[in-house]
C-alpha atoms as a PDB file:
ATOM      1  CA  UNK A   1     -10.765 -21.088  -3.004  1.00  0.00           C
ATOM      2  CA  UNK A   2     -10.067 -24.312  -4.868  1.00  0.00           C
ATOM      3  CA  UNK A   3      -6.590 -25.582  -5.680  1.00  0.00           C
ATOM      4  CA  UNK A   4      -5.493 -25.427  -9.246  1.00  0.00           C
ATOM      5  CA  UNK A   5      -4.104 -28.916  -9.167  1.00  0.00           C
ATOM      6  CA  UNK A   6      -5.564 -32.080  -7.773  1.00  0.00           C
ATOM      7  CA  UNK A   7      -3.837 -33.554  -4.746  1.00  0.00           C
ATOM      8  CA  UNK A   8      -2.260 -36.267  -6.935  1.00  0.00           C
ATOM      9  CA  UNK A   9      -1.086 -33.710  -9.563  1.00  0.00           C
ATOM     10  CA  UNK A  10       0.446 -31.700  -6.675  1.00  0.00           C
ATOM     11  CA  UNK A  11       2.257 -34.795  -5.556  1.00  0.00           C
ATOM     12  CA  UNK A  12       3.735 -35.521  -9.069  1.00  0.00           C
ATOM     13  CA  UNK A  13       4.742 -31.865  -9.598  1.00  0.00           C
ATOM     14  CA  UNK A  14       6.513 -31.775  -6.176  1.00  0.00           C
ATOM     15  CA  UNK A  15       8.239 -35.015  -6.895  1.00  0.00           C
ATOM     16  CA  UNK A  16       9.485 -33.889 -10.280  1.00  0.00           C
ATOM     17  CA  UNK A  17      10.490 -30.438  -8.968  1.00  0.00           C
ATOM     18  CA  UNK A  18      12.447 -32.082  -6.188  1.00  0.00           C
ATOM     19  CA  UNK A  19      14.191 -34.575  -8.514  1.00  0.00           C
ATOM     20  CA  UNK A  20      15.078 -32.269 -11.466  1.00  0.00           C
ATOM     21  CA  UNK A  21      18.179 -34.221 -12.400  1.00  0.00           C
ATOM     22  CA  UNK A  22      16.388 -37.591 -12.440  1.00  0.00           C
ATOM     23  CA  UNK A  23      15.007 -39.322 -15.465  1.00  0.00           C
ATOM     24  CA  UNK A  24      11.761 -40.926 -14.448  1.00  0.00           C
ATOM     25  CA  UNK A  25       9.216 -43.012 -16.331  1.00  0.00           C
ATOM     26  CA  UNK A  26       5.645 -43.195 -14.971  1.00  0.00           C
ATOM     27  CA  UNK A  27       6.750 -46.355 -13.152  1.00  0.00           C
ATOM     28  CA  UNK A  28       9.613 -44.480 -11.416  1.00  0.00           C
ATOM     29  CA  UNK A  29       7.395 -41.623 -10.461  1.00  0.00           C
ATOM     30  CA  UNK A  30       4.735 -44.045  -9.204  1.00  0.00           C
ATOM     31  CA  UNK A  31       7.425 -45.763  -7.054  1.00  0.00           C
ATOM     32  CA  UNK A  32       8.644 -42.442  -5.743  1.00  0.00           C
ATOM     33  CA  UNK A  33       5.163 -41.123  -4.856  1.00  0.00           C
ATOM     34  CA  UNK A  34       3.135 -44.173  -3.943  1.00  0.00           C
ATOM     35  CA  UNK A  35       0.647 -43.435  -6.770  1.00  0.00           C
ATOM     36  CA  UNK A  36      -0.173 -46.085  -9.404  1.00  0.00           C
ATOM     37  CA  UNK A  37       1.663 -45.879 -12.726  1.00  0.00           C
ATOM     38  CA  UNK A  38      -1.749 -45.563 -14.405  1.00  0.00           C
ATOM     39  CA  UNK A  39      -2.541 -42.554 -12.229  1.00  0.00           C
ATOM     40  CA  UNK A  40       0.818 -40.960 -13.000  1.00  0.00           C
ATOM     41  CA  UNK A  41       0.280 -41.408 -16.743  1.00  0.00           C
ATOM     42  CA  UNK A  42      -3.064 -39.701 -16.547  1.00  0.00           C
ATOM     43  CA  UNK A  43      -1.767 -36.890 -14.366  1.00  0.00           C
ATOM     44  CA  UNK A  44       1.281 -36.403 -16.652  1.00  0.00           C
ATOM     45  CA  UNK A  45      -1.030 -36.181 -19.629  1.00  0.00           C
ATOM     46  CA  UNK A  46      -3.096 -33.472 -17.899  1.00  0.00           C
ATOM     47  CA  UNK A  47       0.124 -31.631 -16.924  1.00  0.00           C
ATOM     48  CA  UNK A  48       1.342 -31.986 -20.515  1.00  0.00           C
ATOM     49  CA  UNK A  49      -1.808 -30.383 -21.871  1.00  0.00           C
ATOM     50  CA  UNK A  50      -1.131 -27.448 -19.519  1.00  0.00           C
ATOM     51  CA  UNK A  51       2.481 -27.183 -20.835  1.00  0.00           C
ATOM     52  CA  UNK A  52       4.093 -28.269 -17.548  1.00  0.00           C
ATOM     53  CA  UNK A  53       5.495 -31.683 -18.438  1.00  0.00           C
ATOM     54  CA  UNK A  54       6.733 -33.486 -21.562  1.00  0.00           C
ATOM     55  CA  UNK A  55       7.456 -37.012 -22.465  1.00  0.00           C
ATOM     56  CA  UNK A  56      10.823 -37.637 -24.202  1.00  0.00           C
ATOM     57  CA  UNK A  57      12.718 -40.613 -25.472  1.00  0.00           C
ATOM     58  CA  UNK A  58      16.019 -41.261 -23.750  1.00  0.00           C
ATOM     59  CA  UNK A  59      18.533 -43.679 -25.092  1.00  0.00           C
ATOM     60  CA  UNK A  60      18.855 -46.757 -22.856  1.00  0.00           C
ATOM     61  CA  UNK A  61      15.410 -46.297 -21.261  1.00  0.00           C
ATOM     62  CA  UNK A  62      12.698 -48.331 -22.817  1.00  0.00           C
ATOM     63  CA  UNK A  63       9.711 -46.159 -21.844  1.00  0.00           C
ATOM     64  CA  UNK A  64       9.420 -42.400 -22.310  1.00  0.00           C
ATOM     65  CA  UNK A  65      10.760 -40.197 -19.598  1.00  0.00           C
ATOM     66  CA  UNK A  66       8.402 -37.596 -18.044  1.00  0.00           C
ATOM     67  CA  UNK A  67      10.121 -34.353 -17.236  1.00  0.00           C
ATOM     68  CA  UNK A  68       9.180 -30.840 -16.405  1.00  0.00           C
ATOM     69  CA  UNK A  69       9.189 -27.955 -18.900  1.00  0.00           C
ATOM     70  CA  UNK A  70      10.491 -24.637 -17.901  1.00  0.00           C
ATOM     71  CA  UNK A  71       6.891 -23.690 -16.992  1.00  0.00           C
ATOM     72  CA  UNK A  72       6.579 -26.804 -14.917  1.00  0.00           C
ATOM     73  CA  UNK A  73       9.743 -25.977 -13.046  1.00  0.00           C
ATOM     74  CA  UNK A  74       8.214 -22.636 -12.019  1.00  0.00           C
ATOM     75  CA  UNK A  75       4.711 -23.893 -11.346  1.00  0.00           C
ATOM     76  CA  UNK A  76       3.382 -23.628  -7.766  1.00  0.00           C
ATOM     77  CA  UNK A  77       1.781 -26.893  -6.832  1.00  0.00           C
ATOM     78  CA  UNK A  78      -0.230 -25.067  -4.174  1.00  0.00           C
ATOM     79  CA  UNK A  79      -1.544 -22.364  -6.519  1.00  0.00           C
ATOM     80  CA  UNK A  80      -5.234 -21.511  -6.161  1.00  0.00           C
ATOM     81  CA  UNK A  81      -7.625 -21.142  -9.137  1.00  0.00           C
ATOM     82  CA  UNK A  82      -8.324 -17.549  -9.911  1.00  0.00           C
ATOM     83  CA  UNK A  83     -11.682 -16.269  -8.652  1.00  0.00           C
ATOM     84  CA  UNK A  84     -14.280 -16.017 -11.371  1.00  0.00           C
ATOM     85  CA  UNK A  85     -16.615 -13.124 -11.169  1.00  0.00           C
END
């Protein structure tokens, strides 16, 4: 069975779930995961479309912060795609 999330999306989800109290921009997530900021932005957009992340403005931080939604906090990065019959 195929994974619901790409390997890089799993990495970003795990990072954000493990650092819930942090306020990370794409650059910060990239630094913490070893991915490029460009990749993180694309992944965050995909996760945002699924309702798992959101981008918010935070006073004192120039770029928008990417954070998990309640659904993102509960998401299983290792979830499998449901079988289609």
